[in-house]
């Protein structure tokens, strides 16, 4: 399919763009529907519905259980993974250890 874009008017180019966007959206919707059907089939083979898999969290990893809490505000917790919260840094600067903050 060869379209000489140089010979098209601005309105024709806009219409062509709109047609292409619509075609891409249709293809995307069709592929998503196919993927959903395939995922439902795989879940069924394992004895689950796709909704059950999604409700269980799918493949997303958990954040983990908190291991440390701020002594002055126990609602502030940290799992020990990732960047240290400011309250942990401040407690360590004050001479406390992570064991002092452990739950």
N, C-alpha and C. Protein backbone atom coordinates (compact mmCIF):
# COMPACT_ATOMS: atom_id res chain seq x y z
N UNK A 1 0.85 -1.17 0.00
CA UNK A 1 0.00 0.00 0.00
C UNK A 1 0.89 1.23 0.00
N UNK A 2 0.85 1.96 -1.06
CA UNK A 2 1.64 3.18 -1.17
C UNK A 2 0.71 4.38 -1.27
N UNK A 3 0.86 5.29 -0.31
CA UNK A 3 0.07 6.51 -0.32
C UNK A 3 1.05 7.66 -0.45
N UNK A 4 0.84 8.47 -1.45
CA UNK A 4 1.71 9.63 -1.64
C UNK A 4 1.18 10.75 -0.76
N UNK A 5 1.78 10.89 0.42
CA UNK A 5 1.31 11.87 1.40
C UNK A 5 1.47 13.30 0.90
N UNK A 6 2.42 13.51 0.02
CA UNK A 6 2.67 14.86 -0.48
C UNK A 6 1.52 15.38 -1.34
N UNK A 7 0.73 14.48 -1.91
CA UNK A 7 -0.36 14.91 -2.78
C UNK A 7 -1.68 15.12 -2.03
N UNK A 8 -1.71 14.74 -0.75
CA UNK A 8 -2.94 14.87 0.03
C UNK A 8 -3.06 16.27 0.64
N UNK A 9 -4.29 16.74 0.76
CA UNK A 9 -4.53 18.03 1.40
C UNK A 9 -4.45 17.86 2.91
N UNK A 10 -4.46 18.98 3.60
CA UNK A 10 -4.40 18.94 5.06
C UNK A 10 -5.61 18.18 5.62
N UNK A 11 -6.80 18.44 5.08
CA UNK A 11 -8.00 17.75 5.55
C UNK A 11 -7.92 16.26 5.28
N UNK A 12 -7.39 15.89 4.11
CA UNK A 12 -7.25 14.48 3.77
C UNK A 12 -6.25 13.80 4.70
N UNK A 13 -5.17 14.50 5.04
CA UNK A 13 -4.18 13.95 5.97
C UNK A 13 -4.78 13.77 7.36
N UNK A 14 -5.58 14.76 7.80
CA UNK A 14 -6.23 14.64 9.11
C UNK A 14 -7.18 13.45 9.13
N UNK A 15 -7.92 13.26 8.03
CA UNK A 15 -8.85 12.14 7.96
C UNK A 15 -8.08 10.81 7.95
N UNK A 16 -6.99 10.78 7.22
CA UNK A 16 -6.16 9.57 7.18
C UNK A 16 -5.63 9.26 8.57
N UNK A 17 -5.17 10.29 9.27
CA UNK A 17 -4.67 10.10 10.63
C UNK A 17 -5.77 9.57 11.54
N UNK A 18 -6.97 10.13 11.45
CA UNK A 18 -8.10 9.67 12.26
C UNK A 18 -8.43 8.22 11.94
N UNK A 19 -8.39 7.85 10.66
CA UNK A 19 -8.67 6.48 10.25
C UNK A 19 -7.61 5.52 10.80
N UNK A 20 -6.35 5.95 10.76
CA UNK A 20 -5.26 5.12 11.28
C UNK A 20 -5.41 4.94 12.79
N UNK A 21 -5.70 6.02 13.51
CA UNK A 21 -5.89 5.93 14.95
C UNK A 21 -7.03 4.99 15.31
N UNK A 22 -8.11 5.08 14.55
CA UNK A 22 -9.26 4.20 14.79
C UNK A 22 -8.89 2.74 14.53
N UNK A 23 -8.16 2.49 13.45
CA UNK A 23 -7.74 1.13 13.11
C UNK A 23 -6.80 0.57 14.19
N UNK A 24 -5.90 1.41 14.68
CA UNK A 24 -4.98 0.97 15.73
C UNK A 24 -5.75 0.64 17.02
N UNK A 25 -6.73 1.46 17.36
CA UNK A 25 -7.53 1.21 18.56
C UNK A 25 -8.31 -0.09 18.42
N UNK A 26 -8.83 -0.36 17.23
CA UNK A 26 -9.58 -1.59 16.99
C UNK A 26 -8.67 -2.80 17.13
N UNK A 27 -7.50 -2.72 16.54
CA UNK A 27 -6.54 -3.82 16.64
C UNK A 27 -6.15 -4.04 18.10
N UNK A 28 -5.90 -2.95 18.83
CA UNK A 28 -5.51 -3.05 20.23
C UNK A 28 -6.62 -3.71 21.05
N UNK A 29 -7.85 -3.31 20.83
CA UNK A 29 -8.98 -3.89 21.56
C UNK A 29 -9.12 -5.38 21.24
N UNK A 30 -8.95 -5.73 19.98
CA UNK A 30 -9.06 -7.12 19.57
C UNK A 30 -7.96 -7.97 20.21
N UNK A 31 -6.74 -7.44 20.23
CA UNK A 31 -5.62 -8.18 20.83
C UNK A 31 -5.79 -8.33 22.34
N UNK A 32 -6.31 -7.29 22.99
CA UNK A 32 -6.57 -7.39 24.43
C UNK A 32 -7.62 -8.46 24.72
N UNK A 33 -8.65 -8.51 23.89
CA UNK A 33 -9.70 -9.52 24.07
C UNK A 33 -9.12 -10.92 23.88
N UNK A 34 -8.25 -11.08 22.89
CA UNK A 34 -7.60 -12.37 22.66
C UNK A 34 -6.73 -12.75 23.85
N UNK A 35 -5.98 -11.78 24.39
CA UNK A 35 -5.11 -12.03 25.54
C UNK A 35 -5.95 -12.41 26.76
N UNK A 36 -7.07 -11.74 26.94
CA UNK A 36 -7.94 -12.05 28.08
C UNK A 36 -8.49 -13.47 27.97
N UNK A 37 -8.92 -13.84 26.76
CA UNK A 37 -9.43 -15.20 26.56
C UNK A 37 -8.34 -16.23 26.85
N UNK A 38 -7.12 -15.96 26.40
CA UNK A 38 -6.01 -16.88 26.64
C UNK A 38 -5.70 -16.98 28.13
N UNK A 39 -5.71 -15.84 28.82
CA UNK A 39 -5.45 -15.84 30.26
C UNK A 39 -6.54 -16.59 31.01
N UNK A 40 -7.80 -16.40 30.60
CA UNK A 40 -8.91 -17.13 31.22
C UNK A 40 -8.75 -18.63 31.03
N UNK A 41 -8.31 -19.04 29.84
CA UNK A 41 -8.13 -20.45 29.56
C UNK A 41 -7.02 -21.05 30.43
N UNK A 42 -5.92 -20.33 30.56
CA UNK A 42 -4.81 -20.82 31.39
C UNK A 42 -5.23 -20.90 32.85
N UNK A 43 -5.92 -19.89 33.34
CA UNK A 43 -6.40 -19.90 34.73
C UNK A 43 -7.34 -21.09 34.94
N UNK A 44 -8.20 -21.35 33.96
CA UNK A 44 -9.15 -22.46 34.05
C UNK A 44 -8.41 -23.79 34.13
N UNK A 45 -7.31 -23.92 33.38
CA UNK A 45 -6.52 -25.15 33.41
C UNK A 45 -5.94 -25.42 34.79
N UNK A 46 -5.72 -24.36 35.57
CA UNK A 46 -5.21 -24.51 36.93
C UNK A 46 -6.33 -24.58 37.96
N UNK A 47 -7.59 -24.50 37.48
CA UNK A 47 -8.73 -24.62 38.37
C UNK A 47 -9.21 -23.31 38.98
N UNK A 48 -8.83 -22.19 38.38
CA UNK A 48 -9.22 -20.88 38.89
C UNK A 48 -9.90 -20.07 37.78
N UNK A 49 -10.60 -19.03 38.23
CA UNK A 49 -11.10 -18.08 37.25
C UNK A 49 -10.09 -16.94 37.18
N UNK A 50 -10.14 -16.18 36.10
CA UNK A 50 -9.22 -15.05 35.96
C UNK A 50 -9.47 -14.02 37.06
N UNK A 51 -10.73 -13.84 37.45
CA UNK A 51 -11.06 -12.91 38.54
C UNK A 51 -10.41 -13.34 39.85
N UNK A 52 -10.37 -14.64 40.11
CA UNK A 52 -9.72 -15.13 41.34
C UNK A 52 -8.22 -14.83 41.32
N UNK A 53 -7.60 -14.99 40.17
CA UNK A 53 -6.16 -14.73 40.04
C UNK A 53 -5.89 -13.25 40.26
N UNK A 54 -6.69 -12.41 39.64
CA UNK A 54 -6.50 -10.96 39.77
C UNK A 54 -6.73 -10.52 41.21
N UNK A 55 -7.77 -11.06 41.85
CA UNK A 55 -8.07 -10.70 43.24
C UNK A 55 -6.96 -11.12 44.19
N UNK A 56 -6.25 -12.20 43.82
CA UNK A 56 -5.16 -12.70 44.67
C UNK A 56 -3.90 -11.88 44.49
N UNK A 57 -3.91 -10.91 43.62
CA UNK A 57 -2.75 -10.06 43.44
C UNK A 57 -1.96 -10.36 42.19
N UNK A 58 -2.37 -11.35 41.43
CA UNK A 58 -1.67 -11.65 40.18
C UNK A 58 -0.20 -11.92 40.41
N UNK A 59 0.65 -11.22 39.68
CA UNK A 59 2.09 -11.46 39.79
C UNK A 59 2.79 -10.37 40.57
N UNK A 60 2.03 -9.43 41.09
CA UNK A 60 2.65 -8.32 41.82
C UNK A 60 3.22 -8.84 43.13
N UNK A 61 4.43 -8.48 43.43
CA UNK A 61 5.07 -8.90 44.66
C UNK A 61 4.53 -8.13 45.85
N UNK A 62 4.67 -8.74 47.01
CA UNK A 62 4.20 -8.07 48.22
C UNK A 62 5.27 -7.11 48.73
N UNK A 63 4.84 -6.15 49.50
CA UNK A 63 5.78 -5.19 50.06
C UNK A 63 6.52 -5.79 51.24
N UNK A 64 6.00 -6.83 51.82
CA UNK A 64 6.63 -7.46 52.96
C UNK A 64 6.08 -6.93 54.26
N UNK A 65 6.31 -7.69 55.31
CA UNK A 65 5.82 -7.31 56.63
C UNK A 65 6.77 -6.29 57.25
N UNK A 66 6.22 -5.35 58.00
CA UNK A 66 7.08 -4.37 58.66
C UNK A 66 7.97 -5.04 59.69
N UNK A 67 9.21 -4.60 59.77
CA UNK A 67 10.16 -5.14 60.75
C UNK A 67 10.55 -4.09 61.78
N UNK A 68 10.36 -2.82 61.43
CA UNK A 68 10.78 -1.73 62.31
C UNK A 68 9.65 -0.72 62.44
N UNK A 69 9.58 -0.09 63.62
CA UNK A 69 8.57 0.93 63.86
C UNK A 69 9.21 2.13 64.55
N UNK A 70 8.66 3.29 64.28
CA UNK A 70 9.13 4.52 64.90
C UNK A 70 8.64 4.52 66.35
N UNK A 71 9.56 4.59 67.34
CA UNK A 71 9.14 4.56 68.74
C UNK A 71 8.21 5.71 69.12
N UNK A 72 8.38 6.87 68.48
CA UNK A 72 7.54 8.01 68.83
C UNK A 72 6.22 8.01 68.04
N UNK A 73 6.12 7.20 66.99
CA UNK A 73 4.88 7.09 66.22
C UNK A 73 4.81 5.68 65.63
N UNK A 74 4.29 4.71 66.39
CA UNK A 74 4.26 3.31 65.95
C UNK A 74 3.52 3.07 64.63
N UNK A 75 2.75 4.04 64.17
CA UNK A 75 2.07 3.88 62.88
C UNK A 75 3.06 3.96 61.72
N UNK A 76 4.21 4.56 61.96
CA UNK A 76 5.25 4.63 60.94
C UNK A 76 6.11 3.38 61.02
N UNK A 77 6.06 2.58 59.96
CA UNK A 77 6.82 1.33 59.94
C UNK A 77 7.70 1.27 58.70
N UNK A 78 8.62 0.30 58.73
CA UNK A 78 9.53 0.08 57.61
C UNK A 78 9.82 -1.41 57.53
N UNK A 79 9.87 -1.94 56.31
CA UNK A 79 10.11 -3.38 56.11
C UNK A 79 11.59 -3.73 56.21
N UNK A 80 12.45 -2.73 56.14
CA UNK A 80 13.88 -3.01 56.13
C UNK A 80 14.43 -3.09 54.72
N UNK A 81 13.53 -2.94 53.74
CA UNK A 81 13.95 -2.96 52.34
C UNK A 81 13.80 -1.56 51.75
N UNK A 82 14.64 -1.27 50.79
CA UNK A 82 14.54 0.02 50.12
C UNK A 82 15.18 1.13 50.93
N UNK A 83 14.90 2.33 50.54
CA UNK A 83 15.47 3.51 51.18
C UNK A 83 14.97 3.65 52.61
N UNK A 84 15.87 4.01 53.51
CA UNK A 84 15.49 4.21 54.90
C UNK A 84 14.62 5.45 55.03
N UNK A 85 13.52 5.34 55.79
CA UNK A 85 12.71 6.54 56.05
C UNK A 85 13.50 7.53 56.91
N UNK A 86 13.10 8.76 56.86
CA UNK A 86 13.79 9.80 57.64
C UNK A 86 13.82 9.49 59.12
N UNK A 87 12.74 8.94 59.66
CA UNK A 87 12.71 8.65 61.09
C UNK A 87 13.74 7.59 61.46
N UNK A 88 14.05 6.66 60.56
CA UNK A 88 15.09 5.65 60.82
C UNK A 88 16.45 6.33 60.80
N UNK A 89 16.69 7.17 59.82
CA UNK A 89 17.97 7.88 59.71
C UNK A 89 18.19 8.73 60.96
N UNK A 90 17.16 9.45 61.39
CA UNK A 90 17.28 10.30 62.58
C UNK A 90 17.57 9.47 63.82
N UNK A 91 16.89 8.32 63.96
CA UNK A 91 17.11 7.46 65.13
C UNK A 91 18.54 6.92 65.13
N UNK A 92 19.03 6.53 63.97
CA UNK A 92 20.41 6.02 63.88
C UNK A 92 21.40 7.12 64.20
N UNK A 93 21.13 8.35 63.76
CA UNK A 93 22.00 9.49 64.06
C UNK A 93 22.02 9.80 65.56
N UNK A 94 20.91 9.49 66.24
CA UNK A 94 20.82 9.72 67.68
C UNK A 94 21.51 8.62 68.48
N UNK A 95 22.06 7.62 67.79
CA UNK A 95 22.79 6.57 68.48
C UNK A 95 21.98 5.28 68.67
N UNK A 96 20.75 5.25 68.22
CA UNK A 96 19.95 4.03 68.34
C UNK A 96 20.40 3.05 67.25
N UNK A 97 20.11 1.78 67.48
CA UNK A 97 20.42 0.75 66.49
C UNK A 97 19.12 0.26 65.85
N UNK A 98 19.24 -0.47 64.77
CA UNK A 98 18.04 -1.04 64.15
C UNK A 98 17.34 -2.00 65.10
N UNK A 99 18.10 -2.67 65.95
CA UNK A 99 17.48 -3.57 66.92
C UNK A 99 16.56 -2.80 67.87
N UNK A 100 16.93 -1.55 68.18
CA UNK A 100 16.08 -0.71 69.04
C UNK A 100 14.74 -0.39 68.37
N UNK A 101 14.73 -0.39 67.06
CA UNK A 101 13.52 -0.05 66.31
C UNK A 101 12.72 -1.27 65.89
N UNK A 102 13.26 -2.47 66.14
CA UNK A 102 12.64 -3.70 65.69
C UNK A 102 11.30 -3.94 66.38
N UNK A 103 10.39 -4.53 65.63
CA UNK A 103 9.07 -4.87 66.19
C UNK A 103 9.17 -6.15 67.01
